[in-house]
């Protein structure tokens, strides 16, 4: 499916279609990867991290935590603790629910 999209479509539409396919294949892995990317650079991309953590905390955050650990060889909790500070960090760690 992804190969066909890459051959037939370019630009923002290609990116959108590839994102949809990733979500259909494994939604929790998609969010785990987005969280990792957002916290990879210096200073977490707060809007992305906040949106994912708040919107998924009551839905499937436990599964996202599991996929995060499996894929990135560290826990989401540890990653949040390393890349954030202060009250923002406390809030995210509370939403995260604990270290695996």
PDB file of N, CA and C in Angstrom:
ATOM      1  N   UNK A   1       0.824  -1.188   0.000  1.00  0.00           N
ATOM      2  CA  UNK A   1       0.000   0.000   0.000  1.00  0.00           C
ATOM      3  C   UNK A   1       0.875   1.262   0.000  1.00  0.00           C
ATOM      4  N   UNK A   2       1.861   1.308   0.918  1.00  0.00           N
ATOM      5  CA  UNK A   2       2.729   2.483   1.007  1.00  0.00           C
ATOM      6  C   UNK A   2       3.508   2.692  -0.294  1.00  0.00           C
ATOM      7  N   UNK A   3       3.964   1.609  -0.872  1.00  0.00           N
ATOM      8  CA  UNK A   3       4.724   1.684  -2.125  1.00  0.00           C
ATOM      9  C   UNK A   3       3.862   2.288  -3.238  1.00  0.00           C
ATOM     10  N   UNK A   4       2.627   1.861  -3.314  1.00  0.00           N
ATOM     11  CA  UNK A   4       1.710   2.390  -4.331  1.00  0.00           C
ATOM     12  C   UNK A   4       1.463   3.875  -4.136  1.00  0.00           C
ATOM     13  N   UNK A   5       1.294   4.287  -2.888  1.00  0.00           N
ATOM     14  CA  UNK A   5       1.074   5.706  -2.595  1.00  0.00           C
ATOM     15  C   UNK A   5       2.285   6.522  -3.033  1.00  0.00           C
ATOM     16  N   UNK A   6       3.483   6.025  -2.692  1.00  0.00           N
ATOM     17  CA  UNK A   6       4.713   6.751  -3.057  1.00  0.00           C
ATOM     18  C   UNK A   6       4.873   6.892  -4.575  1.00  0.00           C
ATOM     19  N   UNK A   7       4.419   5.888  -5.318  1.00  0.00           N
ATOM     20  CA  UNK A   7       4.527   5.928  -6.774  1.00  0.00           C
ATOM     21  C   UNK A   7       3.508   6.867  -7.409  1.00  0.00           C
ATOM     22  N   UNK A   8       2.310   6.928  -6.840  1.00  0.00           N
ATOM     23  CA  UNK A   8       1.203   7.619  -7.483  1.00  0.00           C
ATOM     24  C   UNK A   8       0.963   9.047  -7.003  1.00  0.00           C
ATOM     25  N   UNK A   9       1.381   9.373  -5.777  1.00  0.00           N
ATOM     26  CA  UNK A   9       1.018  10.658  -5.192  1.00  0.00           C
ATOM     27  C   UNK A   9       2.268  11.333  -4.639  1.00  0.00           C
ATOM     28  N   UNK A  10       2.314  12.665  -4.688  1.00  0.00           N
ATOM     29  CA  UNK A  10       3.459  13.414  -4.173  1.00  0.00           C
ATOM     30  C   UNK A  10       2.982  14.576  -3.301  1.00  0.00           C
ATOM     31  N   UNK A  11       3.898  15.104  -2.524  1.00  0.00           N
ATOM     32  CA  UNK A  11       3.615  16.296  -1.721  1.00  0.00           C
ATOM     33  C   UNK A  11       2.840  16.001  -0.449  1.00  0.00           C
ATOM     34  N   UNK A  12       2.035  16.976  -0.065  1.00  0.00           N
ATOM     35  CA  UNK A  12       1.267  16.873   1.185  1.00  0.00           C
ATOM     36  C   UNK A  12       0.254  15.733   1.146  1.00  0.00           C
ATOM     37  N   UNK A  13      -0.305  15.476  -0.023  1.00  0.00           N
ATOM     38  CA  UNK A  13      -1.274  14.387  -0.150  1.00  0.00           C
ATOM     39  C   UNK A  13      -0.597  13.041   0.111  1.00  0.00           C
ATOM     40  N   UNK A  14       0.611  12.876  -0.388  1.00  0.00           N
ATOM     41  CA  UNK A  14       1.378  11.642  -0.131  1.00  0.00           C
ATOM     42  C   UNK A  14       1.621  11.485   1.370  1.00  0.00           C
ATOM     43  N   UNK A  15       2.067  12.544   2.001  1.00  0.00           N
ATOM     44  CA  UNK A  15       2.337  12.499   3.445  1.00  0.00           C
ATOM     45  C   UNK A  15       1.060  12.156   4.226  1.00  0.00           C
ATOM     46  N   UNK A  16      -0.049  12.749   3.838  1.00  0.00           N
ATOM     47  CA  UNK A  16      -1.331  12.481   4.505  1.00  0.00           C
ATOM     48  C   UNK A  16      -1.759  11.026   4.346  1.00  0.00           C
ATOM     49  N   UNK A  17      -1.660  10.509   3.136  1.00  0.00           N
ATOM     50  CA  UNK A  17      -2.040   9.117   2.887  1.00  0.00           C
ATOM     51  C   UNK A  17      -1.137   8.144   3.650  1.00  0.00           C
ATOM     52  N   UNK A  18       0.165   8.426   3.669  1.00  0.00           N
ATOM     53  CA  UNK A  18       1.096   7.546   4.388  1.00  0.00           C
ATOM     54  C   UNK A  18       0.816   7.565   5.886  1.00  0.00           C
ATOM     55  N   UNK A  19       0.448   8.717   6.416  1.00  0.00           N
ATOM     56  CA  UNK A  19       0.085   8.824   7.831  1.00  0.00           C
ATOM     57  C   UNK A  19      -1.166   7.995   8.130  1.00  0.00           C
ATOM     58  N   UNK A  20      -2.146   8.084   7.251  1.00  0.00           N
ATOM     59  CA  UNK A  20      -3.366   7.289   7.436  1.00  0.00           C
ATOM     60  C   UNK A  20      -3.065   5.790   7.429  1.00  0.00           C
ATOM     61  N   UNK A  21      -2.215   5.362   6.515  1.00  0.00           N
ATOM     62  CA  UNK A  21      -1.855   3.939   6.451  1.00  0.00           C
ATOM     63  C   UNK A  21      -1.156   3.505   7.733  1.00  0.00           C
ATOM     64  N   UNK A  22      -0.232   4.333   8.240  1.00  0.00           N
ATOM     65  CA  UNK A  22       0.446   4.010   9.498  1.00  0.00           C
ATOM     66  C   UNK A  22      -0.553   3.862  10.638  1.00  0.00           C
ATOM     67  N   UNK A  23      -1.523   4.753  10.700  1.00  0.00           N
ATOM     68  CA  UNK A  23      -2.551   4.683  11.748  1.00  0.00           C
ATOM     69  C   UNK A  23      -3.402   3.426  11.614  1.00  0.00           C
ATOM     70  N   UNK A  24      -3.749   3.067  10.400  1.00  0.00           N
ATOM     71  CA  UNK A  24      -4.551   1.864  10.187  1.00  0.00           C
ATOM     72  C   UNK A  24      -3.779   0.608  10.566  1.00  0.00           C
ATOM     73  N   UNK A  25      -2.480   0.596  10.265  1.00  0.00           N
ATOM     74  CA  UNK A  25      -1.669  -0.591  10.544  1.00  0.00           C
ATOM     75  C   UNK A  25      -1.477  -0.812  12.043  1.00  0.00           C
ATOM     76  N   UNK A  26      -1.118   0.245  12.775  1.00  0.00           N
ATOM     77  CA  UNK A  26      -0.892   0.123  14.213  1.00  0.00           C
ATOM     78  C   UNK A  26      -0.953   1.520  14.827  1.00  0.00           C
ATOM     79  N   UNK A  27      -2.119   1.882  15.315  1.00  0.00           N
ATOM     80  CA  UNK A  27      -2.355   3.224  15.848  1.00  0.00           C
ATOM     81  C   UNK A  27      -1.444   3.547  17.029  1.00  0.00           C
ATOM     82  N   UNK A  28      -1.265   2.594  17.939  1.00  0.00           N
ATOM     83  CA  UNK A  28      -0.437   2.839  19.118  1.00  0.00           C
ATOM     84  C   UNK A  28       1.028   3.060  18.733  1.00  0.00           C
ATOM     85  N   UNK A  29       1.525   2.310  17.764  1.00  0.00           N
ATOM     86  CA  UNK A  29       2.892   2.495  17.290  1.00  0.00           C
ATOM     87  C   UNK A  29       3.046   3.866  16.633  1.00  0.00           C
ATOM     88  N   UNK A  30       2.042   4.288  15.888  1.00  0.00           N
ATOM     89  CA  UNK A  30       2.078   5.608  15.271  1.00  0.00           C
ATOM     90  C   UNK A  30       2.259   6.694  16.334  1.00  0.00           C
ATOM     91  N   UNK A  31       1.448   6.636  17.396  1.00  0.00           N
ATOM     92  CA  UNK A  31       1.548   7.648  18.447  1.00  0.00           C
ATOM     93  C   UNK A  31       2.860   7.527  19.221  1.00  0.00           C
ATOM     94  N   UNK A  32       3.347   6.320  19.439  1.00  0.00           N
ATOM     95  CA  UNK A  32       4.635   6.129  20.109  1.00  0.00           C
ATOM     96  C   UNK A  32       5.753   6.780  19.293  1.00  0.00           C
ATOM     97  N   UNK A  33       5.728   6.592  17.992  1.00  0.00           N
ATOM     98  CA  UNK A  33       6.742   7.199  17.121  1.00  0.00           C
ATOM     99  C   UNK A  33       6.637   8.722  17.096  1.00  0.00           C
ATOM    100  N   UNK A  34       5.410   9.241  17.078  1.00  0.00           N
ATOM    101  CA  UNK A  34       5.208  10.696  17.097  1.00  0.00           C
ATOM    102  C   UNK A  34       5.739  11.295  18.397  1.00  0.00           C
ATOM    103  N   UNK A  35       5.493  10.626  19.519  1.00  0.00           N
ATOM    104  CA  UNK A  35       6.009  11.106  20.806  1.00  0.00           C
ATOM    105  C   UNK A  35       7.529  11.090  20.807  1.00  0.00           C
ATOM    106  N   UNK A  36       8.105  10.014  20.290  1.00  0.00           N
ATOM    107  CA  UNK A  36       9.562   9.918  20.245  1.00  0.00           C
ATOM    108  C   UNK A  36      10.157  11.029  19.379  1.00  0.00           C
ATOM    109  N   UNK A  37       9.594  11.254  18.211  1.00  0.00           N
ATOM    110  CA  UNK A  37      10.083  12.307  17.319  1.00  0.00           C
ATOM    111  C   UNK A  37       9.963  13.682  17.966  1.00  0.00           C
ATOM    112  N   UNK A  38       8.855  13.920  18.655  1.00  0.00           N
ATOM    113  CA  UNK A  38       8.622  15.221  19.271  1.00  0.00           C
ATOM    114  C   UNK A  38       9.591  15.495  20.415  1.00  0.00           C
ATOM    115  N   UNK A  39      10.057  14.445  21.075  1.00  0.00           N
ATOM    116  CA  UNK A  39      10.964  14.634  22.206  1.00  0.00           C
ATOM    117  C   UNK A  39      12.421  14.383  21.852  1.00  0.00           C
ATOM    118  N   UNK A  40      12.693  14.026  20.613  1.00  0.00           N
ATOM    119  CA  UNK A  40      14.051  13.701  20.185  1.00  0.00           C
ATOM    120  C   UNK A  40      14.947  14.932  20.126  1.00  0.00           C
ATOM    121  N   UNK A  41      14.442  16.019  19.612  1.00  0.00           N
ATOM    122  CA  UNK A  41      15.251  17.219  19.444  1.00  0.00           C
ATOM    123  C   UNK A  41      15.376  17.979  20.761  1.00  0.00           C
ATOM    124  N   UNK A  42      16.278  18.946  20.789  1.00  0.00           N
ATOM    125  CA  UNK A  42      16.431  19.770  21.984  1.00  0.00           C
ATOM    126  C   UNK A  42      15.129  20.484  22.270  1.00  0.00           C
ATOM    127  N   UNK A  43      14.638  20.324  23.473  1.00  0.00           N
ATOM    128  CA  UNK A  43      13.371  20.947  23.822  1.00  0.00           C
ATOM    129  C   UNK A  43      12.223  20.245  23.115  1.00  0.00           C
ATOM    130  N   UNK A  44      11.424  19.585  23.876  1.00  0.00           N
ATOM    131  CA  UNK A  44      10.316  18.830  23.299  1.00  0.00           C
ATOM    132  C   UNK A  44       9.353  19.752  22.554  1.00  0.00           C
ATOM    133  N   UNK A  45       8.775  19.246  21.500  1.00  0.00           N
ATOM    134  CA  UNK A  45       7.733  19.981  20.788  1.00  0.00           C
ATOM    135  C   UNK A  45       6.481  19.854  21.638  1.00  0.00           C
ATOM    136  N   UNK A  46       6.302  20.809  22.518  1.00  0.00           N
ATOM    137  CA  UNK A  46       5.289  20.721  23.565  1.00  0.00           C
ATOM    138  C   UNK A  46       3.872  20.525  23.047  1.00  0.00           C
ATOM    139  N   UNK A  47       3.524  21.189  21.981  1.00  0.00           N
ATOM    140  CA  UNK A  47       2.150  21.071  21.475  1.00  0.00           C
ATOM    141  C   UNK A  47       1.840  19.644  21.049  1.00  0.00           C
ATOM    142  N   UNK A  48       2.765  19.012  20.356  1.00  0.00           N
ATOM    143  CA  UNK A  48       2.560  17.643  19.885  1.00  0.00           C
ATOM    144  C   UNK A  48       2.467  16.687  21.069  1.00  0.00           C
ATOM    145  N   UNK A  49       3.419  16.802  21.983  1.00  0.00           N
ATOM    146  CA  UNK A  49       3.443  15.917  23.153  1.00  0.00           C
ATOM    147  C   UNK A  49       2.175  16.095  23.982  1.00  0.00           C
ATOM    148  N   UNK A  50       1.813  17.323  24.252  1.00  0.00           N
ATOM    149  CA  UNK A  50       0.622  17.605  25.058  1.00  0.00           C
ATOM    150  C   UNK A  50      -0.629  17.047  24.404  1.00  0.00           C
ATOM    151  N   UNK A  51      -0.776  17.303  23.116  1.00  0.00           N
ATOM    152  CA  UNK A  51      -1.976  16.848  22.407  1.00  0.00           C
ATOM    153  C   UNK A  51      -2.106  15.325  22.463  1.00  0.00           C
ATOM    154  N   UNK A  52      -1.014  14.625  22.218  1.00  0.00           N
ATOM    155  CA  UNK A  52      -1.073  13.160  22.228  1.00  0.00           C
ATOM    156  C   UNK A  52      -1.334  12.639  23.635  1.00  0.00           C
ATOM    157  N   UNK A  53      -0.603  13.138  24.605  1.00  0.00           N
ATOM    158  CA  UNK A  53      -0.751  12.638  25.979  1.00  0.00           C
ATOM    159  C   UNK A  53      -2.159  12.875  26.515  1.00  0.00           C
ATOM    160  N   UNK A  54      -2.687  14.064  26.310  1.00  0.00           N
ATOM    161  CA  UNK A  54      -4.017  14.389  26.834  1.00  0.00           C
ATOM    162  C   UNK A  54      -5.106  13.620  26.085  1.00  0.00           C
ATOM    163  N   UNK A  55      -5.002  13.557  24.770  1.00  0.00           N
ATOM    164  CA  UNK A  55      -6.066  12.914  23.993  1.00  0.00           C
ATOM    165  C   UNK A  55      -6.066  11.393  24.122  1.00  0.00           C
ATOM    166  N   UNK A  56      -4.914  10.779  24.421  1.00  0.00           N
ATOM    167  CA  UNK A  56      -4.842   9.320  24.455  1.00  0.00           C
ATOM    168  C   UNK A  56      -4.791   8.737  25.867  1.00  0.00           C
ATOM    169  N   UNK A  57      -4.672   9.585  26.899  1.00  0.00           N
ATOM    170  CA  UNK A  57      -4.460   9.070  28.263  1.00  0.00           C
ATOM    171  C   UNK A  57      -5.595   8.177  28.740  1.00  0.00           C
ATOM    172  N   UNK A  58      -6.803   8.438  28.337  1.00  0.00           N
ATOM    173  CA  UNK A  58      -7.926   7.603  28.769  1.00  0.00           C
ATOM    174  C   UNK A  58      -8.360   6.610  27.700  1.00  0.00           C
ATOM    175  N   UNK A  59      -7.680   6.610  26.581  1.00  0.00           N
ATOM    176  CA  UNK A  59      -8.067   5.737  25.476  1.00  0.00           C
ATOM    177  C   UNK A  59      -7.141   4.524  25.390  1.00  0.00           C
ATOM    178  N   UNK A  60      -5.871   4.758  25.079  1.00  0.00           N
ATOM    179  CA  UNK A  60      -4.954   3.634  24.862  1.00  0.00           C
ATOM    180  C   UNK A  60      -3.502   3.953  25.210  1.00  0.00           C
ATOM    181  N   UNK A  61      -3.295   4.841  26.181  1.00  0.00           N
ATOM    182  CA  UNK A  61      -1.934   5.230  26.536  1.00  0.00           C
ATOM    183  C   UNK A  61      -1.111   4.057  27.053  1.00  0.00           C
ATOM    184  N   UNK A  62      -1.732   3.120  27.725  1.00  0.00           N
ATOM    185  CA  UNK A  62      -0.989   1.936  28.211  1.00  0.00           C
ATOM    186  C   UNK A  62      -0.408   1.153  27.033  1.00  0.00           C
ATOM    187  N   UNK A  63      -1.173   1.005  25.970  1.00  0.00           N
ATOM    188  CA  UNK A  63      -0.688   0.304  24.779  1.00  0.00           C
ATOM    189  C   UNK A  63       0.384   1.124  24.064  1.00  0.00           C
ATOM    190  N   UNK A  64       0.227   2.438  24.059  1.00  0.00           N
ATOM    191  CA  UNK A  64       1.231   3.317  23.456  1.00  0.00           C
ATOM    192  C   UNK A  64       2.535   3.193  24.242  1.00  0.00           C
ATOM    193  N   UNK A  65       2.443   3.171  25.569  1.00  0.00           N
ATOM    194  CA  UNK A  65       3.635   2.991  26.408  1.00  0.00           C
ATOM    195  C   UNK A  65       4.337   1.683  26.077  1.00  0.00           C
ATOM    196  N   UNK A  66       3.572   0.639  25.896  1.00  0.00           N
ATOM    197  CA  UNK A  66       4.133  -0.671  25.564  1.00  0.00           C
ATOM    198  C   UNK A  66       4.841  -0.641  24.208  1.00  0.00           C
ATOM    199  N   UNK A  67       4.194  -0.055  23.202  1.00  0.00           N
ATOM    200  CA  UNK A  67       4.804   0.058  21.868  1.00  0.00           C
ATOM    201  C   UNK A  67       6.051   0.938  21.916  1.00  0.00           C
ATOM    202  N   UNK A  68       5.996   1.998  22.711  1.00  0.00           N
ATOM    203  CA  UNK A  68       7.134   2.901  22.838  1.00  0.00           C
ATOM    204  C   UNK A  68       8.339   2.140  23.378  1.00  0.00           C
ATOM    205  N   UNK A  69       8.129   1.379  24.432  1.00  0.00           N
ATOM    206  CA  UNK A  69       9.228   0.622  25.048  1.00  0.00           C
ATOM    207  C   UNK A  69       9.773  -0.434  24.095  1.00  0.00           C
ATOM    208  N   UNK A  70       8.882  -1.128  23.422  1.00  0.00           N
ATOM    209  CA  UNK A  70       9.286  -2.181  22.487  1.00  0.00           C
ATOM    210  C   UNK A  70      10.089  -1.612  21.309  1.00  0.00           C
ATOM    211  N   UNK A  71       9.670  -0.489  20.790  1.00  0.00           N
ATOM    212  CA  UNK A  71      10.281   0.093  19.604  1.00  0.00           C
ATOM    213  C   UNK A  71      11.534   0.909  19.904  1.00  0.00           C
ATOM    214  N   UNK A  72      11.489   1.677  20.991  1.00  0.00           N
ATOM    215  CA  UNK A  72      12.567   2.630  21.259  1.00  0.00           C
ATOM    216  C   UNK A  72      13.490   2.205  22.397  1.00  0.00           C
ATOM    217  N   UNK A  73      13.280   1.011  22.940  1.00  0.00           N
ATOM    218  CA  UNK A  73      14.168   0.400  23.947  1.00  0.00           C
ATOM    219  C   UNK A  73      14.317   1.232  25.221  1.00  0.00           C
ATOM    220  N   UNK A  74      13.334   2.054  25.519  1.00  0.00           N
ATOM    221  CA  UNK A  74      13.284   2.809  26.765  1.00  0.00           C
ATOM    222  C   UNK A  74      11.833   3.151  27.029  1.00  0.00           C
ATOM    223  N   UNK A  75      11.539   3.507  28.262  1.00  0.00           N
ATOM    224  CA  UNK A  75      10.145   3.771  28.575  1.00  0.00           C
ATOM    225  C   UNK A  75       9.757   5.191  28.206  1.00  0.00           C
ATOM    226  N   UNK A  76       8.483   5.385  27.979  1.00  0.00           N
ATOM    227  CA  UNK A  76       7.954   6.716  27.708  1.00  0.00           C
ATOM    228  C   UNK A  76       8.188   7.607  28.920  1.00  0.00           C
ATOM    229  N   UNK A  77       8.020   7.060  30.107  1.00  0.00           N
ATOM    230  CA  UNK A  77       8.219   7.797  31.351  1.00  0.00           C
ATOM    231  C   UNK A  77       9.643   8.350  31.423  1.00  0.00           C
ATOM    232  N   UNK A  78      10.639   7.514  31.137  1.00  0.00           N
ATOM    233  CA  UNK A  78      12.031   7.951  31.165  1.00  0.00           C
ATOM    234  C   UNK A  78      12.290   9.048  30.142  1.00  0.00           C
ATOM    235  N   UNK A  79      11.721   8.891  28.972  1.00  0.00           N
ATOM    236  CA  UNK A  79      11.912   9.873  27.906  1.00  0.00           C
ATOM    237  C   UNK A  79      11.302  11.218  28.292  1.00  0.00           C
ATOM    238  N   UNK A  80      10.108  11.193  28.851  1.00  0.00           N
ATOM    239  CA  UNK A  80       9.470  12.434  29.306  1.00  0.00           C
ATOM    240  C   UNK A  80      10.317  13.082  30.396  1.00  0.00           C
ATOM    241  N   UNK A  81      10.801  12.281  31.343  1.00  0.00           N
ATOM    242  CA  UNK A  81      11.610  12.811  32.445  1.00  0.00           C
ATOM    243  C   UNK A  81      12.900  13.478  31.944  1.00  0.00           C
ATOM    244  N   UNK A  82      13.481  12.939  30.886  1.00  0.00           N
ATOM    245  CA  UNK A  82      14.723  13.486  30.340  1.00  0.00           C
ATOM    246  C   UNK A  82      14.518  14.754  29.511  1.00  0.00           C
ATOM    247  N   UNK A  83      13.402  14.856  28.833  1.00  0.00           N
ATOM    248  CA  UNK A  83      13.227  15.919  27.844  1.00  0.00           C
ATOM    249  C   UNK A  83      12.295  17.047  28.262  1.00  0.00           C
ATOM    250  N   UNK A  84      11.771  16.994  29.470  1.00  0.00           N
ATOM    251  CA  UNK A  84      10.889  18.062  29.937  1.00  0.00           C
ATOM    252  C   UNK A  84      11.318  18.488  31.336  1.00  0.00           C
ATOM    253  N   UNK A  85      10.741  19.598  31.813  1.00  0.00           N
ATOM    254  CA  UNK A  85      11.092  20.107  33.141  1.00  0.00           C
ATOM    255  C   UNK A  85       9.871  20.704  33.834  1.00  0.00           C
ATOM    256  N   UNK A  86      10.042  20.916  35.125  1.00  0.00           N
ATOM    257  CA  UNK A  86       9.085  21.682  35.919  1.00  0.00           C
ATOM    258  C   UNK A  86       7.697  21.092  36.006  1.00  0.00           C
ATOM    259  N   UNK A  87       6.718  21.987  36.109  1.00  0.00           N
ATOM    260  CA  UNK A  87       5.323  21.571  36.252  1.00  0.00           C
ATOM    261  C   UNK A  87       4.828  20.829  35.011  1.00  0.00           C
ATOM    262  N   UNK A  88       5.336  21.221  33.858  1.00  0.00           N
ATOM    263  CA  UNK A  88       4.967  20.535  32.619  1.00  0.00           C
ATOM    264  C   UNK A  88       5.381  19.068  32.708  1.00  0.00           C
ATOM    265  N   UNK A  89       6.583  18.824  33.177  1.00  0.00           N
ATOM    266  CA  UNK A  89       7.075  17.461  33.344  1.00  0.00           C
ATOM    267  C   UNK A  89       6.206  16.691  34.331  1.00  0.00           C
ATOM    268  N   UNK A  90       5.889  17.298  35.454  1.00  0.00           N
ATOM    269  CA  UNK A  90       5.051  16.640  36.465  1.00  0.00           C
ATOM    270  C   UNK A  90       3.697  16.250  35.892  1.00  0.00           C
ATOM    271  N   UNK A  91       3.109  17.158  35.117  1.00  0.00           N
ATOM    272  CA  UNK A  91       1.801  16.880  34.524  1.00  0.00           C
ATOM    273  C   UNK A  91       1.881  15.723  33.535  1.00  0.00           C
ATOM    274  N   UNK A  92       2.902  15.730  32.677  1.00  0.00           N
ATOM    275  CA  UNK A  92       3.041  14.648  31.698  1.00  0.00           C
ATOM    276  C   UNK A  92       3.315  13.315  32.371  1.00  0.00           C
ATOM    277  N   UNK A  93       4.158  13.316  33.376  1.00  0.00           N
ATOM    278  CA  UNK A  93       4.470  12.061  34.079  1.00  0.00           C
ATOM    279  C   UNK A  93       3.236  11.529  34.791  1.00  0.00           C
ATOM    280  N   UNK A  94       2.418  12.436  35.292  1.00  0.00           N
ATOM    281  CA  UNK A  94       1.171  12.019  35.928  1.00  0.00           C
ATOM    282  C   UNK A  94       0.217  11.396  34.899  1.00  0.00           C
ATOM    283  N   UNK A  95       0.116  12.007  33.742  1.00  0.00           N
ATOM    284  CA  UNK A  95      -0.716  11.447  32.674  1.00  0.00           C
ATOM    285  C   UNK A  95      -0.165  10.094  32.201  1.00  0.00           C
ATOM    286  N   UNK A  96       1.152  10.000  32.156  1.00  0.00           N
ATOM    287  CA  UNK A  96       1.796   8.776  31.694  1.00  0.00           C
ATOM    288  C   UNK A  96       1.430   7.599  32.607  1.00  0.00           C
ATOM    289  N   UNK A  97       1.345   7.867  33.886  1.00  0.00           N
ATOM    290  CA  UNK A  97       0.854   6.854  34.799  1.00  0.00           C
ATOM    291  C   UNK A  97       1.907   5.979  35.429  1.00  0.00           C
ATOM    292  N   UNK A  98       3.143   6.096  35.093  1.00  0.00           N
ATOM    293  CA  UNK A  98       4.175   5.303  35.736  1.00  0.00           C
ATOM    294  C   UNK A  98       5.213   4.784  34.759  1.00  0.00           C
ATOM    295  N   UNK A  99       6.277   4.282  35.359  1.00  0.00           N
ATOM    296  CA  UNK A  99       7.391   3.743  34.574  1.00  0.00           C
ATOM    297  C   UNK A  99       7.178   2.252  34.395  1.00  0.00           C
ATOM    298  N   UNK A 100       7.399   1.753  33.192  1.00  0.00           N
ATOM    299  CA  UNK A 100       7.181   0.324  32.913  1.00  0.00           C
ATOM    300  C   UNK A 100       8.362  -0.489  33.363  1.00  0.00           C
TER     301      UNK A 100
END
